Amino acid sequence: MTANAENLKVVLAQPRGFCAGVERAIDIVERALEKFGAPVYVRHEIVHNKFVVDTLRERGAVFVEEVDEIPVGAVTVFSAHGVAKKVENGALERQLDVIDATCPLVTKVHKEGRRYAEKGYDIVLIGHLGHPEVEGTLGQIPGAVHVISEVEEVDTLNVADPDMVAFVTQTTLSVNDTKDVIAALKARFPNIVGPDTRDICYATQNRQTAVIALAKDVDLLLVVGAHNSSNSNRLREIGENFGIPSYLIEDASMFDPAWLDGIAKVGVTAGASAPETLVQETIERLREYRTVTVETLDGVEENVHFKLPRELADVPRKEDAMKAWAVSQP
């Protein structure tokens, strides 16, 4: 279809897309394939994005739900979301050659939780029950752990000692997502302890801040990301909270041109697991229907990088693999 003469301004959020934890996890799988050859087994989706998973599968990654599906002794990668101790023990029993791609910020939450548990605290985990990160964190912290996500749940908490309560949070929740729950916890348990707000995942906060700015300036919001991605869904919800039509699309094929009716300016962002190539494909899809100009909103320039596991640090990534994740600015 040829674009018509009606102009459409596309405004890109900054930052958007891959965070350092996701880049590291993908890098780990690619370097493991380069070093050990296919197959490399990955427990669960390495990150919540079908394009990423399918691309890595084409290169020789095999995705499984549980470690008992993996041949004894095989090279195995744990996903960025982290895993429970019982999964680690299962891998040990099968003598798997494990490379841990857990995001370092998730690992930090695990360590904080264990530290509180060792001191005898009841721990409140602010997060969404059933999310892989929460399931992994629950399995990493011994003792009493209570999962809540809403302010109303604070009143129903049953703890051993109100003066011995600590909290940790799911990393894909921002300061804005957790502030009301934390305030309610502090009101009920004045002696509660927990991480400083500076320990909240930088990427989640930055992407939400960018979308808040974007939503004030556009008529329609498109969020590129997976429907099972917690942070992507939250970006869409923020747009809705500002009263603008907001849609979560996994790729350009999910875009409905009817959404453009009466629209002059579209905001586009991407969840922390979505590669920039999907953003650019979405812009090309918009060009099928309108004459598009693109600008990028001013925002935080992220320069966070996490170290690779020691066993992969000296393995270069192939040039063609790098291109799949490259960020191309319009």
Protein backbone atom coordinates (compact mmCIF):
# COMPACT_ATOMS: atom_id res chain seq x y z
CA MET A 1 0.00 0.00 0.00
CA THR A 2 1.29 3.45 -0.90
CA ALA A 3 1.41 6.06 1.86
CA ASN A 4 -0.97 8.98 1.45
CA ALA A 5 -0.08 12.64 1.73
CA GLU A 6 -1.45 13.03 5.27
CA ASN A 7 1.49 13.61 7.59
CA LEU A 8 2.06 11.53 10.70
CA LYS A 9 4.66 12.46 13.29
CA VAL A 10 6.26 9.53 15.13
CA VAL A 11 7.96 10.31 18.42
CA LEU A 12 10.30 7.68 19.85
CA ALA A 13 10.80 7.32 23.59
CA GLN A 14 14.30 7.62 24.97
CA PRO A 15 15.33 5.23 26.41
CA ARG A 16 13.44 2.26 25.01
CA GLY A 17 14.11 -1.41 24.30
CA PHE A 18 16.93 -3.56 25.58
CA CYS A 19 18.29 -2.99 29.06
CA ALA A 20 21.74 -4.12 30.17
CA GLY A 21 20.41 -7.30 31.79
CA VAL A 22 18.68 -8.38 28.59
CA GLU A 23 21.69 -7.56 26.43
CA ARG A 24 23.87 -9.61 28.78
CA ALA A 25 21.49 -12.60 28.72
CA ILE A 26 21.30 -12.68 24.92
CA ASP A 27 25.05 -12.22 24.70
CA ILE A 28 25.54 -15.19 27.03
CA VAL A 29 23.48 -17.52 24.83
CA GLU A 30 25.19 -16.35 21.64
CA ARG A 31 28.68 -16.69 23.10
CA ALA A 32 27.83 -20.11 24.56
CA LEU A 33 26.75 -21.25 21.10
CA GLU A 34 29.98 -19.88 19.64
CA LYS A 35 32.15 -21.57 22.27
CA PHE A 36 30.40 -24.91 22.76
CA GLY A 37 28.37 -25.28 19.56
CA ALA A 38 24.74 -26.25 19.28
CA PRO A 39 22.72 -27.29 21.09
CA VAL A 40 22.83 -25.01 24.09
CA TYR A 41 19.85 -25.56 26.38
CA VAL A 42 18.00 -22.62 27.96
CA ARG A 43 15.57 -23.04 30.83
CA HIS A 44 12.49 -20.93 30.06
CA GLU A 45 12.57 -18.01 27.63
CA ILE A 46 15.91 -16.27 28.00
CA VAL A 47 13.92 -13.01 27.98
CA HIS A 48 10.24 -12.32 27.32
CA ASN A 49 10.31 -11.75 23.58
CA LYS A 50 9.27 -14.19 20.85
CA PHE A 51 11.50 -12.60 18.19
CA VAL A 52 14.56 -12.97 20.43
CA VAL A 53 13.70 -16.55 21.38
CA ASP A 54 12.98 -17.59 17.79
CA THR A 55 16.21 -15.99 16.54
CA LEU A 56 18.28 -17.80 19.15
CA ARG A 57 16.44 -21.05 18.45
CA GLU A 58 17.43 -20.75 14.78
CA ARG A 59 21.06 -20.46 15.90
CA GLY A 60 20.91 -23.65 17.96
CA ALA A 61 19.43 -22.76 21.34
CA VAL A 62 16.93 -25.29 22.71
CA PHE A 63 14.36 -23.87 25.12
CA VAL A 64 12.90 -26.12 27.81
CA GLU A 65 10.62 -25.63 30.79
CA GLU A 66 12.50 -27.72 33.33
CA VAL A 67 16.03 -29.04 33.74
CA ASP A 68 14.89 -32.67 33.69
CA GLU A 69 14.24 -32.18 29.96
CA ILE A 70 17.94 -31.49 29.40
CA PRO A 71 20.41 -34.31 28.60
CA VAL A 72 22.85 -35.11 31.40
CA GLY A 73 25.97 -32.98 31.23
CA ALA A 74 24.67 -30.55 28.58
CA VAL A 75 25.55 -26.86 28.43
CA THR A 76 22.63 -25.01 30.06
CA VAL A 77 21.75 -21.35 30.48
CA PHE A 78 19.46 -20.03 33.21
CA SER A 79 17.26 -17.15 32.00
CA ALA A 80 17.60 -13.48 32.97
CA HIS A 81 14.68 -13.83 35.40
CA GLY A 82 16.61 -16.07 37.81
CA VAL A 83 15.75 -19.49 39.18
CA ALA A 84 14.90 -21.11 42.50
CA LYS A 85 17.41 -23.12 44.53
CA LYS A 86 15.58 -26.34 43.66
CA VAL A 87 16.27 -25.65 39.97
CA GLU A 88 19.95 -25.12 40.73
CA ASN A 89 19.97 -28.39 42.70
CA GLY A 90 18.22 -30.22 39.85
CA ALA A 91 20.87 -28.98 37.43
CA LEU A 92 23.59 -30.16 39.79
CA GLU A 93 22.04 -33.62 40.00
CA ARG A 94 22.03 -33.86 36.19
CA GLN A 95 25.63 -32.64 36.08
CA LEU A 96 24.65 -29.81 33.76
CA ASP A 97 27.29 -27.32 32.66
CA VAL A 98 25.38 -24.26 33.86
CA ILE A 99 25.94 -20.67 32.77
CA ASP A 100 23.81 -18.28 34.80
CA ALA A 101 22.29 -15.38 32.82
CA THR A 102 20.30 -14.05 35.78
CA CYS A 103 20.25 -10.26 35.66
CA PRO A 104 22.69 -8.92 38.28
CA LEU A 105 19.93 -6.69 39.66
CA VAL A 106 17.77 -9.78 40.26
CA THR A 107 20.71 -11.52 41.91
CA LYS A 108 21.03 -8.49 44.18
CA VAL A 109 17.40 -8.94 45.28
CA HIS A 110 18.09 -12.60 46.05
CA LYS A 111 21.07 -11.66 48.22
CA GLU A 112 19.13 -8.95 50.05
CA GLY A 113 16.28 -11.37 50.74
CA ARG A 114 18.60 -14.05 52.09
CA ARG A 115 20.35 -11.49 54.28
CA TYR A 116 17.06 -10.44 55.85
CA ALA A 117 15.94 -14.06 56.25
CA GLU A 118 19.17 -14.98 58.06
CA LYS A 119 18.39 -12.24 60.58
CA GLY A 120 14.92 -13.67 61.25
CA TYR A 121 12.78 -11.18 59.33
CA ASP A 122 9.46 -11.96 57.70
CA ILE A 123 9.95 -10.81 54.11
CA VAL A 124 7.38 -9.08 51.94
CA LEU A 125 8.09 -9.50 48.23
CA ILE A 126 6.33 -6.79 46.23
CA GLY A 127 5.63 -8.35 42.86
CA HIS A 128 3.29 -10.42 40.73
CA LEU A 129 2.81 -14.02 41.81
CA GLY A 130 3.47 -16.36 38.90
CA HIS A 131 6.01 -14.09 37.19
CA PRO A 132 9.23 -16.09 36.57
CA GLU A 133 11.33 -13.56 38.49
CA VAL A 134 9.05 -13.77 41.53
CA GLU A 135 9.01 -17.56 41.39
CA GLY A 136 12.81 -17.59 41.28
CA THR A 137 13.12 -15.10 44.13
CA LEU A 138 10.68 -17.09 46.28
CA GLY A 139 12.88 -20.13 45.71
CA GLN A 140 16.04 -18.28 46.70
CA ILE A 141 14.89 -16.93 50.08
CA PRO A 142 14.40 -19.30 53.02
CA GLY A 143 11.84 -18.61 55.72
CA ALA A 144 8.60 -16.65 55.57
CA VAL A 145 8.05 -14.73 52.32
CA HIS A 146 4.75 -12.99 51.55
CA VAL A 147 4.03 -11.91 47.95
CA ILE A 148 1.79 -8.87 47.53
CA SER A 149 1.15 -6.42 44.69
CA GLU A 150 -1.65 -4.17 45.96
CA VAL A 151 -2.02 -1.74 48.87
CA GLU A 152 -5.13 -3.60 50.09
CA GLU A 153 -3.07 -6.73 50.72
CA VAL A 154 -0.93 -5.02 53.36
CA ASP A 155 -3.74 -5.17 55.96
CA THR A 156 -4.08 -8.93 55.55
CA LEU A 157 -0.41 -9.76 56.11
CA ASN A 158 0.12 -12.18 58.97
CA VAL A 159 3.70 -11.87 60.28
CA ALA A 160 5.42 -13.42 63.27
CA ASP A 161 6.76 -10.14 64.67
CA PRO A 162 5.60 -6.71 63.40
CA ASP A 163 8.98 -5.29 64.39
CA MET A 164 10.86 -7.83 62.25
CA VAL A 165 9.57 -7.23 58.74
CA ALA A 166 11.61 -6.50 55.61
CA PHE A 167 10.63 -5.96 51.98
CA VAL A 168 12.18 -6.52 48.55
CA THR A 169 10.69 -5.84 45.12
CA GLN A 170 10.42 -7.43 41.70
CA THR A 171 12.93 -5.59 39.52
CA THR A 172 10.48 -4.97 36.67
CA LEU A 173 8.47 -2.68 38.95
CA SER A 174 9.43 0.97 39.16
CA VAL A 175 9.49 3.39 42.08
CA ASN A 176 6.08 4.63 40.93
CA ASP A 177 4.71 1.08 40.85
CA THR A 178 5.77 0.27 44.39
CA LYS A 179 5.61 3.57 46.28
CA ASP A 180 2.02 3.21 47.52
CA VAL A 181 2.54 -0.37 48.69
CA ILE A 182 5.79 0.60 50.44
CA ALA A 183 4.05 3.57 52.09
CA ALA A 184 1.29 1.26 53.37
CA LEU A 185 3.88 -1.21 54.67
CA LYS A 186 5.72 1.55 56.51
CA ALA A 187 2.45 2.79 58.01
CA ARG A 188 1.57 -0.66 59.36
CA PHE A 189 5.13 -1.73 60.23
CA PRO A 190 7.05 1.42 61.29
CA ASN A 191 10.27 -0.56 61.80
CA ILE A 192 10.20 -2.25 58.40
CA VAL A 193 13.50 -2.35 56.52
CA GLY A 194 14.14 -2.56 52.79
CA PRO A 195 16.35 -1.44 49.93
CA ASP A 196 16.90 2.20 49.06
CA THR A 197 14.86 3.44 46.11
CA ARG A 198 18.16 3.79 44.26
CA ASP A 199 18.28 -0.01 44.19
CA ILE A 200 15.15 -0.17 41.99
CA CYS A 201 15.92 -1.35 38.46
CA TYR A 202 17.20 1.69 36.56
CA ALA A 203 15.83 0.43 33.23
CA THR A 204 12.26 -0.01 34.43
CA GLN A 205 12.22 3.45 35.97
CA ASN A 206 13.84 5.12 32.96
CA ARG A 207 11.44 3.56 30.45
CA GLN A 208 8.38 4.49 32.49
CA THR A 209 9.62 8.06 32.96
CA ALA A 210 10.15 8.32 29.21
CA VAL A 211 6.64 7.06 28.47
CA ILE A 212 5.11 9.54 30.92
CA ALA A 213 6.81 12.34 28.98
CA LEU A 214 5.78 10.77 25.68
CA ALA A 215 2.14 10.30 26.67
CA LYS A 216 1.79 14.03 27.35
CA ASP A 217 2.75 14.84 23.77
CA VAL A 218 1.10 12.23 21.50
CA ASP A 219 -2.36 11.09 20.40
CA LEU A 220 -1.61 7.36 20.32
CA LEU A 221 0.94 5.10 22.06
CA LEU A 222 2.42 1.93 20.60
CA VAL A 223 4.45 -0.28 22.92
CA VAL A 224 6.54 -2.92 21.18
CA GLY A 225 6.93 -5.92 23.46
CA ALA A 226 5.66 -9.34 24.45
CA HIS A 227 2.25 -9.78 26.05
CA ASN A 228 3.85 -11.80 28.86
CA SER A 229 6.35 -9.00 29.57
CA SER A 230 5.55 -7.28 32.87
CA ASN A 231 7.42 -4.07 32.06
CA SER A 232 5.88 -3.82 28.55
CA ASN A 233 2.36 -4.16 29.92
CA ARG A 234 3.08 -1.44 32.46
CA LEU A 235 4.22 0.94 29.69
CA ARG A 236 0.90 0.40 27.92
CA GLU A 237 -1.01 0.99 31.18
CA ILE A 238 0.79 4.30 31.69
CA GLY A 239 -0.43 5.50 28.31
CA GLU A 240 -3.97 4.45 29.15
CA ASN A 241 -3.74 6.31 32.47
CA PHE A 242 -3.07 9.48 30.46
CA GLY A 243 -6.25 8.89 28.52
CA ILE A 244 -4.71 8.10 25.14
CA PRO A 245 -5.29 4.95 23.07
CA SER A 246 -2.41 2.61 23.94
CA TYR A 247 -1.59 -0.75 22.37
CA LEU A 248 0.95 -3.46 23.12
CA ILE A 249 2.14 -5.12 19.90
CA GLU A 250 4.64 -7.94 19.59
CA ASP A 251 5.68 -6.85 16.10
CA ALA A 252 4.57 -4.69 13.18
CA SER A 253 2.12 -7.32 11.91
CA MET A 254 -0.10 -6.68 14.94
CA PHE A 255 -0.59 -3.01 14.05
CA ASP A 256 -4.14 -2.12 13.03
CA PRO A 257 -4.29 0.84 10.60
CA ALA A 258 -7.71 1.75 12.01
CA TRP A 259 -5.86 2.99 15.09
CA LEU A 260 -4.60 5.92 13.00
CA ASP A 261 -8.06 7.42 12.44
CA GLY A 262 -7.93 11.02 13.66
CA ILE A 263 -4.31 10.63 14.85
CA ALA A 264 -1.61 13.19 14.04
CA LYS A 265 1.16 12.12 16.41
CA VAL A 266 2.14 8.59 17.49
CA GLY A 267 4.45 7.74 20.36
CA VAL A 268 6.49 4.54 20.08
CA THR A 269 8.45 2.78 22.79
CA ALA A 270 9.62 -0.75 23.49
CA GLY A 271 9.82 -2.97 26.55
CA ALA A 272 13.17 -3.92 28.02
CA SER A 273 13.17 -7.27 26.15
CA ALA A 274 12.27 -5.91 22.71
CA PRO A 275 15.02 -5.35 20.11
CA GLU A 276 15.26 -2.08 18.19
CA THR A 277 14.72 -3.89 14.90
CA LEU A 278 11.06 -4.43 15.87
CA VAL A 279 10.67 -0.70 16.55
CA GLN A 280 12.08 0.15 13.14
CA GLU A 281 9.80 -2.40 11.45
CA THR A 282 6.84 -0.77 13.19
CA ILE A 283 7.83 2.62 11.80
CA GLU A 284 8.07 1.10 8.32
CA ARG A 285 4.57 -0.32 8.77
CA LEU A 286 3.26 3.16 9.63
CA ARG A 287 4.84 4.45 6.42
CA GLU A 288 2.55 2.13 4.48
CA TYR A 289 -0.39 4.26 5.53
CA ARG A 290 0.89 7.79 6.12
CA THR A 291 3.77 10.14 5.28
CA VAL A 292 5.92 9.74 8.38
CA THR A 293 8.47 11.98 10.05
CA VAL A 294 10.38 10.63 13.04
CA GLU A 295 11.92 12.35 16.02
CA THR A 296 13.36 11.05 19.29
CA LEU A 297 12.27 12.53 22.59
CA ASP A 298 15.00 13.86 24.83
CA GLY A 299 15.73 11.40 27.62
CA VAL A 300 18.27 9.47 29.61
CA GLU A 301 21.21 8.03 27.68
CA GLU A 302 21.90 4.69 29.36
CA ASN A 303 25.48 3.44 29.52
CA VAL A 304 25.07 0.55 31.95
CA HIS A 305 26.90 -2.68 31.10
CA PHE A 306 27.07 -5.87 33.16
CA LYS A 307 30.03 -8.23 33.17
CA LEU A 308 29.76 -11.56 31.43
CA PRO A 309 30.37 -14.85 33.25
CA ARG A 310 34.08 -15.59 33.44
CA GLU A 311 33.85 -18.62 31.15
CA LEU A 312 32.46 -16.53 28.27
CA ALA A 313 34.27 -13.22 28.68
CA ASP A 314 36.90 -14.07 26.07
CA VAL A 315 34.46 -15.33 23.41
CA PRO A 316 33.76 -12.76 20.66
CA ARG A 317 30.29 -12.44 19.18
CA LYS A 318 29.97 -12.97 15.45
CA GLU A 319 29.38 -9.80 13.46
CA ASP A 320 26.10 -11.08 11.99
CA ALA A 321 24.82 -11.89 15.47
CA MET A 322 25.58 -8.38 16.62
CA LYS A 323 23.54 -6.86 13.80
CA ALA A 324 20.33 -8.49 15.03
CA TRP A 325 20.44 -6.47 18.24
CA ALA A 326 22.01 -3.25 16.96
CA VAL A 327 20.20 -0.04 17.79
CA SER A 328 19.71 2.06 14.66
CA GLN A 329 18.63 5.62 15.27
CA PRO A 330 16.35 7.14 12.59
